Amino acid sequence: MRTEDEIRERIAELESQYDDYDPPSSEFEDTAEVAVLRAIEELEWVLEEYDGAAGFTTS
């Protein structure tokens, strides 16, 4: 399981990658982007947990 610091680091990494391709044009857009990136990180975490623990596969 990932630590909170690892999750925050991954969110920052995703945000940086996203900003390189499409920088936010407003504060609202930046806030929405962070919310989406957090959701992506949570999904990645859940998929990794199920993949390792329960034999769940994403393929």
C-alpha atoms as a PDB file:
ATOM      1  CA  MET A   1       0.000   0.000   0.000  1.00  0.00           C
ATOM      2  CA  ARG A   2       1.262   3.479  -0.809  1.00  0.00           C
ATOM      3  CA  THR A   3       1.954   6.040   1.858  1.00  0.00           C
ATOM      4  CA  GLU A   4       0.292   9.436   1.849  1.00  0.00           C
ATOM      5  CA  ASP A   5       3.590  11.025   0.784  1.00  0.00           C
ATOM      6  CA  GLU A   6       3.870   8.643  -2.181  1.00  0.00           C
ATOM      7  CA  ILE A   7       0.313   9.455  -3.224  1.00  0.00           C
ATOM      8  CA  ARG A   8       0.925  13.202  -2.957  1.00  0.00           C
ATOM      9  CA  GLU A   9       4.141  12.826  -4.951  1.00  0.00           C
ATOM     10  CA  ARG A  10       2.296  10.899  -7.675  1.00  0.00           C
ATOM     11  CA  ILE A  11      -0.426  13.569  -7.832  1.00  0.00           C
ATOM     12  CA  ALA A  12       2.238  16.274  -8.203  1.00  0.00           C
ATOM     13  CA  GLU A  13       3.911  14.236 -10.945  1.00  0.00           C
ATOM     14  CA  LEU A  14       0.618  13.802 -12.825  1.00  0.00           C
ATOM     15  CA  GLU A  15      -0.181  17.498 -12.439  1.00  0.00           C
ATOM     16  CA  SER A  16       3.232  18.484 -13.802  1.00  0.00           C
ATOM     17  CA  GLN A  17       2.854  16.168 -16.801  1.00  0.00           C
ATOM     18  CA  TYR A  18      -0.644  17.481 -17.467  1.00  0.00           C
ATOM     19  CA  ASP A  19       0.475  21.115 -17.193  1.00  0.00           C
ATOM     20  CA  ASP A  20       3.262  20.491 -19.702  1.00  0.00           C
ATOM     21  CA  TYR A  21       0.648  19.591 -22.320  1.00  0.00           C
ATOM     22  CA  ASP A  22      -2.240  21.840 -21.314  1.00  0.00           C
ATOM     23  CA  PRO A  23      -1.513  24.536 -18.714  1.00  0.00           C
ATOM     24  CA  PRO A  24      -4.597  25.689 -16.768  1.00  0.00           C
ATOM     25  CA  SER A  25      -6.011  29.004 -17.917  1.00  0.00           C
ATOM     26  CA  SER A  26      -7.902  29.887 -14.735  1.00  0.00           C
ATOM     27  CA  GLU A  27      -7.972  29.136 -11.008  1.00  0.00           C
ATOM     28  CA  PHE A  28     -11.174  27.110 -11.457  1.00  0.00           C
ATOM     29  CA  GLU A  29      -9.593  25.008 -14.187  1.00  0.00           C
ATOM     30  CA  ASP A  30      -6.529  24.397 -12.002  1.00  0.00           C
ATOM     31  CA  THR A  31      -8.737  23.295  -9.081  1.00  0.00           C
ATOM     32  CA  ALA A  32     -10.752  20.970 -11.325  1.00  0.00           C
ATOM     33  CA  GLU A  33      -7.540  19.530 -12.752  1.00  0.00           C
ATOM     34  CA  VAL A  34      -6.233  18.687  -9.275  1.00  0.00           C
ATOM     35  CA  ALA A  35      -9.531  16.962  -8.420  1.00  0.00           C
ATOM     36  CA  VAL A  36      -9.335  14.862 -11.593  1.00  0.00           C
ATOM     37  CA  LEU A  37      -5.699  13.952 -10.932  1.00  0.00           C
ATOM     38  CA  ARG A  38      -6.557  12.887  -7.377  1.00  0.00           C
ATOM     39  CA  ALA A  39      -9.317  10.673  -8.737  1.00  0.00           C
ATOM     40  CA  ILE A  40      -6.881   9.122 -11.219  1.00  0.00           C
ATOM     41  CA  GLU A  41      -4.411   8.439  -8.420  1.00  0.00           C
ATOM     42  CA  GLU A  42      -7.125   6.830  -6.283  1.00  0.00           C
ATOM     43  CA  LEU A  43      -8.160   4.606  -9.190  1.00  0.00           C
ATOM     44  CA  GLU A  44      -4.554   3.573  -9.796  1.00  0.00           C
ATOM     45  CA  TRP A  45      -4.204   2.725  -6.111  1.00  0.00           C
ATOM     46  CA  VAL A  46      -7.417   0.681  -6.036  1.00  0.00           C
ATOM     47  CA  LEU A  47      -6.472  -1.220  -9.176  1.00  0.00           C
ATOM     48  CA  GLU A  48      -3.027  -2.003  -7.766  1.00  0.00           C
ATOM     49  CA  GLU A  49      -4.556  -3.192  -4.480  1.00  0.00           C
ATOM     50  CA  TYR A  50      -7.043  -5.498  -6.210  1.00  0.00           C
ATOM     51  CA  ASP A  51      -4.484  -6.668  -8.737  1.00  0.00           C
ATOM     52  CA  GLY A  52      -2.064  -7.769  -6.010  1.00  0.00           C
ATOM     53  CA  ALA A  53      -4.431  -8.936  -3.288  1.00  0.00           C
ATOM     54  CA  ALA A  54      -7.489 -10.427  -4.925  1.00  0.00           C
ATOM     55  CA  GLY A  55      -6.159 -11.579  -8.251  1.00  0.00           C
ATOM     56  CA  PHE A  56      -8.186  -8.904 -10.028  1.00  0.00           C
ATOM     57  CA  THR A  57      -6.837  -8.092 -13.469  1.00  0.00           C
ATOM     58  CA  THR A  58      -7.291  -4.987 -15.584  1.00  0.00           C
ATOM     59  CA  SER A  59      -6.539  -6.715 -18.873  1.00  0.00           C
END
